[in-house]
C-alpha cells in the first residue's frame, strides 16, 4: 500500500448535479426549480417570518406593555447567605467582588442586601442597595453597611 494507490470507499464520493446544461441532460429548462414564482427566480431569499402572504404571526399577536430602559434590577442576597459565607471563608468584609468569586452573583449584577436570617459576625458589607432591616441587623452585629455608588 502506498499513497498513490489510495482511493475513497466505493459509493462514498458522488458527482455533483450539473444543472442548466441543456434539455439532453435531463436537468435543463427550469433547472429543477419548477415553473414560475419567486422561488424560480435568481436572487430569491425568503424574508424572515414570511408566511406566503398570510398575515404573519408577529403581526397577528397583539402588543402590550412597556419595558422601562431606566429600570435598575438588583440581585437579592439575604443576611443568612452572608453569614454562611463569612463563617465558611473566615471573612470580615464582603463586597460584590467576593460575592462574584463565590458564584453568588455575576460580574455585572447590582446587589441588594435583604434582611432574612441572622447575622452573628461583625461584617463590613459593601453593596449597591440595602433594605432597612438588613442595615439594622448589620449595625446591631457591630458591622457597617456601605453603599456602592
N, C-alpha and C. Protein backbone atom coordinates (compact mmCIF):
# COMPACT_ATOMS: atom_id res chain seq x y z
N UNK A 1 0.85 -1.19 0.00
CA UNK A 1 0.00 0.00 0.00
C UNK A 1 0.89 1.25 0.00
N UNK A 2 0.60 2.19 -0.86
CA UNK A 2 1.28 3.49 -0.80
C UNK A 2 0.28 4.59 -1.18
N UNK A 3 0.70 5.84 -1.02
CA UNK A 3 -0.21 6.97 -1.20
C UNK A 3 -0.80 7.06 -2.60
N UNK A 4 -0.08 6.62 -3.60
CA UNK A 4 -0.57 6.76 -4.97
C UNK A 4 -1.68 5.78 -5.31
N UNK A 5 -1.87 4.74 -4.48
CA UNK A 5 -2.90 3.75 -4.78
C UNK A 5 -4.16 3.94 -3.93
N UNK A 6 -4.17 4.94 -3.05
CA UNK A 6 -5.33 5.14 -2.18
C UNK A 6 -6.52 5.69 -2.98
N UNK A 7 -7.69 5.10 -2.76
CA UNK A 7 -8.92 5.60 -3.38
C UNK A 7 -10.01 5.62 -2.31
N UNK A 8 -11.01 6.51 -2.48
CA UNK A 8 -12.10 6.53 -1.49
C UNK A 8 -12.93 5.26 -1.56
N UNK A 9 -13.66 4.97 -0.48
CA UNK A 9 -14.50 3.78 -0.42
C UNK A 9 -15.58 3.85 -1.49
N UNK A 10 -15.99 2.70 -1.99
CA UNK A 10 -16.97 2.65 -3.07
C UNK A 10 -18.31 3.24 -2.60
N UNK A 11 -18.87 4.17 -3.37
CA UNK A 11 -20.15 4.79 -3.04
C UNK A 11 -20.06 6.00 -2.12
N UNK A 12 -18.84 6.34 -1.67
CA UNK A 12 -18.71 7.46 -0.73
C UNK A 12 -18.58 8.80 -1.45
N UNK A 13 -18.17 8.78 -2.73
CA UNK A 13 -18.00 10.02 -3.48
C UNK A 13 -19.04 10.07 -4.59
N UNK A 14 -19.82 11.17 -4.62
CA UNK A 14 -20.84 11.30 -5.65
C UNK A 14 -20.52 12.50 -6.52
N UNK A 15 -20.87 12.42 -7.80
CA UNK A 15 -20.70 13.56 -8.69
C UNK A 15 -21.80 14.58 -8.42
N UNK A 16 -21.46 15.88 -8.53
CA UNK A 16 -22.46 16.90 -8.29
C UNK A 16 -23.43 16.96 -9.46
N UNK A 17 -24.68 17.43 -9.20
CA UNK A 17 -25.66 17.57 -10.28
C UNK A 17 -25.30 18.78 -11.13
N UNK A 18 -25.14 18.60 -12.44
CA UNK A 18 -24.85 19.72 -13.33
C UNK A 18 -26.18 20.24 -13.86
N UNK A 19 -26.66 21.32 -13.24
CA UNK A 19 -27.99 21.85 -13.53
C UNK A 19 -27.90 22.92 -14.61
N UNK A 20 -28.91 22.96 -15.49
CA UNK A 20 -28.99 24.02 -16.51
C UNK A 20 -28.00 23.84 -17.63
N UNK A 21 -27.76 22.58 -18.05
CA UNK A 21 -26.82 22.33 -19.14
C UNK A 21 -27.52 21.70 -20.34
N UNK A 22 -28.72 22.21 -20.65
CA UNK A 22 -29.45 21.74 -21.82
C UNK A 22 -30.46 20.67 -21.51
N UNK A 23 -31.45 20.52 -22.44
CA UNK A 23 -32.54 19.56 -22.19
C UNK A 23 -32.06 18.12 -22.24
N UNK A 24 -31.02 17.85 -22.96
CA UNK A 24 -30.49 16.50 -23.06
C UNK A 24 -29.97 15.96 -21.74
N UNK A 25 -29.59 16.84 -20.85
CA UNK A 25 -29.05 16.41 -19.55
C UNK A 25 -30.15 15.94 -18.61
N UNK A 26 -31.39 16.30 -18.94
CA UNK A 26 -32.50 15.96 -18.04
C UNK A 26 -32.68 16.99 -16.94
N UNK A 27 -31.74 17.92 -16.84
CA UNK A 27 -31.84 18.97 -15.81
C UNK A 27 -31.69 20.35 -16.44
N UNK A 28 -32.17 20.52 -17.66
CA UNK A 28 -32.14 21.82 -18.32
C UNK A 28 -33.47 22.51 -18.12
N UNK A 29 -33.84 23.41 -19.02
CA UNK A 29 -35.15 24.06 -18.96
C UNK A 29 -35.33 24.85 -17.69
N UNK A 30 -36.12 24.32 -16.75
CA UNK A 30 -36.38 25.04 -15.49
C UNK A 30 -35.30 24.77 -14.46
N UNK A 31 -34.36 23.91 -14.78
CA UNK A 31 -33.23 23.60 -13.89
C UNK A 31 -33.67 23.17 -12.50
N UNK A 32 -34.62 22.27 -12.42
CA UNK A 32 -35.14 21.66 -11.18
C UNK A 32 -35.84 22.66 -10.26
N UNK A 33 -36.18 23.87 -10.78
CA UNK A 33 -36.81 24.88 -9.92
C UNK A 33 -38.33 24.94 -10.08
N UNK A 34 -38.90 24.15 -10.95
CA UNK A 34 -40.35 24.21 -11.17
C UNK A 34 -40.68 25.37 -12.08
N UNK A 35 -41.96 25.68 -12.22
CA UNK A 35 -42.40 26.72 -13.13
C UNK A 35 -42.77 28.00 -12.41
N UNK A 36 -42.19 29.10 -12.81
CA UNK A 36 -42.53 30.46 -12.38
C UNK A 36 -42.53 30.63 -10.86
N UNK A 37 -42.85 31.84 -10.40
CA UNK A 37 -42.90 32.14 -8.98
C UNK A 37 -41.56 32.60 -8.46
N UNK A 38 -41.58 33.20 -7.27
CA UNK A 38 -40.38 33.80 -6.70
C UNK A 38 -39.25 32.79 -6.53
N UNK A 39 -39.59 31.55 -6.17
CA UNK A 39 -38.55 30.55 -5.90
C UNK A 39 -37.81 30.12 -7.16
N UNK A 40 -38.37 30.40 -8.33
CA UNK A 40 -37.68 30.03 -9.56
C UNK A 40 -36.73 31.12 -10.03
N UNK A 41 -36.83 32.30 -9.46
CA UNK A 41 -36.02 33.43 -9.92
C UNK A 41 -34.67 33.48 -9.20
N UNK A 42 -33.70 34.10 -9.88
CA UNK A 42 -32.42 34.30 -9.21
C UNK A 42 -32.58 35.43 -8.20
N UNK A 43 -31.78 35.39 -7.15
CA UNK A 43 -31.83 36.45 -6.14
C UNK A 43 -32.93 36.26 -5.13
N UNK A 44 -33.68 35.15 -5.20
CA UNK A 44 -34.78 34.93 -4.25
C UNK A 44 -34.22 34.59 -2.88
N UNK A 45 -34.76 35.24 -1.87
CA UNK A 45 -34.50 34.81 -0.50
C UNK A 45 -35.73 35.11 0.32
N UNK A 46 -36.23 34.12 1.02
CA UNK A 46 -37.46 34.28 1.80
C UNK A 46 -37.18 35.20 2.98
N UNK A 47 -38.06 36.17 3.18
CA UNK A 47 -37.89 37.08 4.31
C UNK A 47 -38.21 36.37 5.62
N UNK A 48 -37.53 36.74 6.67
CA UNK A 48 -37.74 36.12 7.97
C UNK A 48 -39.18 36.39 8.42
N UNK A 49 -39.88 35.34 8.80
CA UNK A 49 -41.26 35.49 9.26
C UNK A 49 -42.29 35.53 8.15
N UNK A 50 -41.87 35.39 6.87
CA UNK A 50 -42.82 35.42 5.76
C UNK A 50 -43.64 34.14 5.75
N UNK A 51 -44.96 34.27 5.61
CA UNK A 51 -45.84 33.10 5.64
C UNK A 51 -46.67 33.01 4.37
N UNK A 52 -46.07 33.30 3.23
CA UNK A 52 -46.74 33.13 1.96
C UNK A 52 -47.82 34.17 1.70
N UNK A 53 -47.75 35.31 2.32
CA UNK A 53 -48.74 36.35 2.12
C UNK A 53 -49.78 36.39 3.22
N UNK A 54 -49.91 35.30 3.97
CA UNK A 54 -50.79 35.29 5.14
C UNK A 54 -50.24 36.27 6.16
N UNK A 55 -51.12 36.86 6.97
CA UNK A 55 -50.67 37.80 7.99
C UNK A 55 -49.73 37.06 8.95
N UNK A 56 -48.48 37.49 9.05
CA UNK A 56 -47.51 36.73 9.86
C UNK A 56 -47.83 36.78 11.36
N UNK A 57 -47.33 35.77 12.05
CA UNK A 57 -47.62 35.61 13.47
C UNK A 57 -47.25 36.85 14.28
N UNK A 58 -46.08 37.43 13.99
CA UNK A 58 -45.65 38.57 14.80
C UNK A 58 -46.52 39.80 14.58
N UNK A 59 -47.32 39.83 13.52
CA UNK A 59 -48.25 40.93 13.32
C UNK A 59 -49.66 40.58 13.78
N UNK A 60 -49.97 39.27 13.89
CA UNK A 60 -51.29 38.85 14.37
C UNK A 60 -51.41 38.98 15.89
N UNK A 61 -50.31 38.76 16.58
CA UNK A 61 -50.32 38.76 18.05
C UNK A 61 -50.30 40.21 18.53
N UNK A 62 -51.22 40.57 19.44
CA UNK A 62 -51.26 41.96 19.90
C UNK A 62 -50.05 42.30 20.77
N UNK A 63 -49.67 43.55 20.73
CA UNK A 63 -48.55 44.02 21.54
C UNK A 63 -49.09 44.82 22.71
N UNK A 64 -48.47 44.67 23.84
CA UNK A 64 -48.88 45.46 25.00
C UNK A 64 -47.72 45.56 25.96
N UNK A 65 -47.83 46.45 26.92
CA UNK A 65 -46.80 46.59 27.95
C UNK A 65 -45.73 47.57 27.55
N UNK A 66 -44.75 47.69 28.42
CA UNK A 66 -43.71 48.69 28.26
C UNK A 66 -42.47 48.21 29.00
N UNK A 67 -41.31 48.30 28.36
CA UNK A 67 -40.06 47.96 29.02
C UNK A 67 -39.32 49.25 29.36
N UNK A 68 -39.21 49.51 30.64
CA UNK A 68 -38.57 50.74 31.10
C UNK A 68 -37.05 50.63 30.94
N UNK A 69 -36.45 51.46 30.09
CA UNK A 69 -35.00 51.37 29.89
C UNK A 69 -34.19 51.83 31.10
N UNK A 70 -34.81 52.57 32.00
CA UNK A 70 -34.10 53.11 33.16
C UNK A 70 -34.26 52.26 34.42
N UNK A 71 -34.98 51.14 34.32
CA UNK A 71 -35.21 50.30 35.49
C UNK A 71 -33.90 49.68 35.98
N UNK A 72 -33.69 49.70 37.27
CA UNK A 72 -32.49 49.10 37.86
C UNK A 72 -32.91 47.79 38.52
N UNK A 73 -32.30 46.69 38.10
CA UNK A 73 -32.63 45.38 38.63
C UNK A 73 -31.51 44.93 39.56
N UNK A 74 -31.89 44.58 40.79
CA UNK A 74 -30.92 44.15 41.79
C UNK A 74 -30.97 42.63 41.96
N UNK A 75 -29.83 42.05 42.27
CA UNK A 75 -29.76 40.63 42.62
C UNK A 75 -29.87 40.56 44.15
N UNK A 76 -30.93 39.93 44.69
CA UNK A 76 -31.11 39.91 46.15
C UNK A 76 -30.20 38.89 46.83
N UNK A 77 -29.56 39.31 47.90
CA UNK A 77 -28.73 38.43 48.74
C UNK A 77 -29.19 38.65 50.18
N UNK A 78 -29.51 37.57 50.87
CA UNK A 78 -30.00 37.69 52.24
C UNK A 78 -28.88 37.58 53.26
N UNK A 79 -29.18 38.03 54.48
CA UNK A 79 -28.17 38.03 55.55
C UNK A 79 -27.70 36.62 55.91
N UNK A 80 -28.62 35.62 55.85
CA UNK A 80 -28.20 34.26 56.19
C UNK A 80 -27.15 33.74 55.21
N UNK A 81 -27.24 34.15 53.95
CA UNK A 81 -26.24 33.77 52.94
C UNK A 81 -24.89 34.42 53.28
N UNK A 82 -24.93 35.71 53.65
CA UNK A 82 -23.70 36.42 54.03
C UNK A 82 -23.07 35.80 55.27
N UNK A 83 -23.92 35.43 56.22
CA UNK A 83 -23.44 34.82 57.46
C UNK A 83 -22.73 33.50 57.18
N UNK A 84 -23.34 32.66 56.34
CA UNK A 84 -22.72 31.37 55.96
C UNK A 84 -21.39 31.59 55.24
N UNK A 85 -21.38 32.54 54.32
CA UNK A 85 -20.18 32.85 53.54
C UNK A 85 -19.05 33.33 54.45
N UNK A 86 -19.39 34.22 55.38
CA UNK A 86 -18.38 34.77 56.30
C UNK A 86 -17.80 33.68 57.19
N UNK A 87 -18.66 32.76 57.67
CA UNK A 87 -18.16 31.71 58.56
C UNK A 87 -17.33 30.66 57.79
N UNK A 88 -17.75 30.33 56.56
CA UNK A 88 -17.01 29.35 55.76
C UNK A 88 -15.65 29.87 55.31
N UNK A 89 -15.61 31.10 54.84
CA UNK A 89 -14.39 31.67 54.26
C UNK A 89 -13.60 32.52 55.25
N UNK A 90 -14.14 32.68 56.48
CA UNK A 90 -13.48 33.46 57.53
C UNK A 90 -13.23 34.90 57.06
N UNK A 91 -14.31 35.59 56.67
CA UNK A 91 -14.22 36.94 56.12
C UNK A 91 -14.69 37.97 57.14
N UNK A 92 -14.10 39.17 57.05
CA UNK A 92 -14.56 40.29 57.88
C UNK A 92 -15.20 41.38 57.03
N UNK A 93 -14.96 41.32 55.70
CA UNK A 93 -15.55 42.29 54.77
C UNK A 93 -16.09 41.55 53.55
N UNK A 94 -17.29 41.95 53.12
CA UNK A 94 -17.90 41.34 51.95
C UNK A 94 -18.33 42.44 50.99
N UNK A 95 -17.89 42.31 49.72
CA UNK A 95 -18.33 43.25 48.69
C UNK A 95 -18.77 42.46 47.47
N UNK A 96 -19.13 43.17 46.39
CA UNK A 96 -19.64 42.49 45.20
C UNK A 96 -18.59 41.58 44.55
N UNK A 97 -17.31 41.90 44.70
CA UNK A 97 -16.26 41.07 44.14
C UNK A 97 -16.17 39.72 44.85
N UNK A 98 -16.32 39.73 46.17
CA UNK A 98 -16.30 38.49 46.96
C UNK A 98 -17.50 37.62 46.59
N UNK A 99 -18.67 38.26 46.42
CA UNK A 99 -19.88 37.54 46.04
C UNK A 99 -19.71 36.91 44.65
N UNK A 100 -19.06 37.65 43.73
CA UNK A 100 -18.82 37.13 42.38
C UNK A 100 -17.86 35.93 42.42
N UNK A 101 -16.79 36.04 43.20
CA UNK A 101 -15.80 34.97 43.29
C UNK A 101 -16.39 33.69 43.86
N UNK A 102 -17.44 33.82 44.70
CA UNK A 102 -18.08 32.65 45.30
C UNK A 102 -19.33 32.21 44.54
N UNK A 103 -19.56 32.80 43.36
CA UNK A 103 -20.62 32.34 42.47
C UNK A 103 -22.02 32.76 42.86
N UNK A 104 -22.16 33.76 43.71
CA UNK A 104 -23.49 34.20 44.13
C UNK A 104 -24.10 35.22 43.18
N UNK A 105 -23.27 35.98 42.50
CA UNK A 105 -23.75 36.97 41.53
C UNK A 105 -22.86 36.92 40.30
N UNK A 106 -23.33 37.50 39.20
CA UNK A 106 -22.46 37.63 38.04
C UNK A 106 -21.77 38.99 38.11
N UNK A 107 -20.80 39.20 37.23
CA UNK A 107 -19.93 40.37 37.33
C UNK A 107 -20.69 41.70 37.20
N UNK A 108 -21.71 41.72 36.32
CA UNK A 108 -22.41 42.98 36.06
C UNK A 108 -23.63 43.19 36.96
N UNK A 109 -23.96 42.22 37.84
CA UNK A 109 -25.14 42.35 38.70
C UNK A 109 -24.97 43.45 39.74
N UNK A 110 -26.08 44.16 40.00
CA UNK A 110 -26.13 45.07 41.13
C UNK A 110 -26.73 44.29 42.29
N UNK A 111 -26.16 44.46 43.49
CA UNK A 111 -26.52 43.63 44.63
C UNK A 111 -27.34 44.42 45.64
N UNK A 112 -28.43 43.80 46.11
CA UNK A 112 -29.20 44.38 47.21
C UNK A 112 -29.21 43.38 48.36
N UNK A 113 -28.84 43.85 49.54
CA UNK A 113 -28.80 43.00 50.73
C UNK A 113 -30.15 43.10 51.43
N UNK A 114 -30.78 41.93 51.65
CA UNK A 114 -32.08 41.86 52.30
C UNK A 114 -31.94 41.26 53.70
N UNK A 115 -32.95 41.46 54.53
CA UNK A 115 -32.82 41.17 55.96
C UNK A 115 -33.24 39.81 56.45
N UNK A 116 -33.41 38.80 55.59
CA UNK A 116 -33.79 37.47 56.06
C UNK A 116 -32.61 36.78 56.75
N UNK A 117 -32.87 36.17 57.87
CA UNK A 117 -31.82 35.44 58.57
C UNK A 117 -31.15 36.28 59.64
N UNK A 118 -30.18 35.65 60.32
CA UNK A 118 -29.48 36.32 61.42
C UNK A 118 -28.02 36.52 61.05
N UNK A 119 -27.46 37.61 61.54
CA UNK A 119 -26.05 37.89 61.29
C UNK A 119 -25.35 37.95 62.64
N UNK A 120 -24.43 37.00 62.89
CA UNK A 120 -23.73 36.95 64.18
C UNK A 120 -22.36 37.59 64.10
N UNK A 121 -21.74 37.51 62.91
CA UNK A 121 -20.38 38.03 62.74
C UNK A 121 -20.40 39.54 62.52
N UNK A 122 -19.30 40.19 62.90
CA UNK A 122 -19.14 41.63 62.66
C UNK A 122 -18.60 41.78 61.25
N UNK A 123 -19.43 42.28 60.34
CA UNK A 123 -19.06 42.35 58.93
C UNK A 123 -19.15 43.77 58.39
N UNK A 124 -18.21 44.07 57.49
CA UNK A 124 -18.30 45.30 56.71
C UNK A 124 -18.83 44.89 55.34
N UNK A 125 -20.08 45.27 55.05
CA UNK A 125 -20.75 44.83 53.83
C UNK A 125 -20.87 46.00 52.85
N UNK A 126 -20.34 45.80 51.64
CA UNK A 126 -20.46 46.80 50.59
C UNK A 126 -21.40 46.26 49.52
N UNK A 127 -22.46 47.03 49.21
CA UNK A 127 -23.42 46.62 48.19
C UNK A 127 -24.05 47.85 47.56
N UNK A 128 -24.80 47.64 46.47
CA UNK A 128 -25.42 48.75 45.76
C UNK A 128 -26.66 49.27 46.48
N UNK A 129 -27.32 48.39 47.26
CA UNK A 129 -28.53 48.80 47.97
C UNK A 129 -28.75 47.88 49.17
N UNK A 130 -29.45 48.39 50.18
CA UNK A 130 -29.76 47.62 51.39
C UNK A 130 -31.22 47.84 51.76
N UNK A 131 -31.83 46.83 52.35
CA UNK A 131 -33.15 47.04 52.94
C UNK A 131 -32.91 47.60 54.34
N UNK A 132 -33.94 48.25 54.90
CA UNK A 132 -33.80 48.86 56.24
C UNK A 132 -33.49 47.80 57.29
N UNK A 133 -34.17 46.66 57.19
CA UNK A 133 -33.96 45.59 58.18
C UNK A 133 -32.54 45.02 58.10
N UNK A 134 -31.98 44.99 56.88
CA UNK A 134 -30.62 44.48 56.70
C UNK A 134 -29.61 45.43 57.33
N UNK A 135 -29.78 46.73 57.11
CA UNK A 135 -28.88 47.74 57.70
C UNK A 135 -28.93 47.65 59.21
N UNK A 136 -30.13 47.53 59.76
CA UNK A 136 -30.31 47.43 61.22
C UNK A 136 -29.60 46.19 61.77
N UNK A 137 -29.78 45.05 61.10
CA UNK A 137 -29.17 43.80 61.56
C UNK A 137 -27.65 43.85 61.48
N UNK A 138 -27.11 44.44 60.40
CA UNK A 138 -25.65 44.54 60.24
C UNK A 138 -25.07 45.44 61.31
N UNK A 139 -25.71 46.58 61.57
CA UNK A 139 -25.20 47.51 62.59
C UNK A 139 -25.38 46.98 64.00
N UNK A 140 -26.45 46.19 64.25
CA UNK A 140 -26.65 45.57 65.56
C UNK A 140 -25.56 44.54 65.86
N UNK A 141 -25.05 43.90 64.79
CA UNK A 141 -23.98 42.90 64.97
C UNK A 141 -22.60 43.58 65.08
N UNK A 142 -22.56 44.92 64.96
CA UNK A 142 -21.32 45.66 65.10
C UNK A 142 -20.61 45.93 63.78
N UNK A 143 -21.28 45.68 62.67
CA UNK A 143 -20.66 45.88 61.37
C UNK A 143 -21.07 47.19 60.72
N UNK A 144 -20.69 47.34 59.44
CA UNK A 144 -21.02 48.54 58.68
C UNK A 144 -21.70 48.14 57.37
N UNK A 145 -22.71 48.92 56.99
CA UNK A 145 -23.37 48.75 55.68
C UNK A 145 -22.98 49.93 54.83
N UNK A 146 -22.12 49.68 53.81
CA UNK A 146 -21.61 50.75 52.95
C UNK A 146 -22.22 50.61 51.57
N UNK A 147 -22.82 51.72 51.08
CA UNK A 147 -23.47 51.73 49.77
C UNK A 147 -22.44 52.03 48.69
N UNK A 148 -22.42 51.21 47.63
CA UNK A 148 -21.58 51.46 46.47
C UNK A 148 -22.34 52.36 45.51
N UNK A 149 -21.65 53.36 44.96
CA UNK A 149 -22.32 54.29 44.03
C UNK A 149 -22.62 53.60 42.73
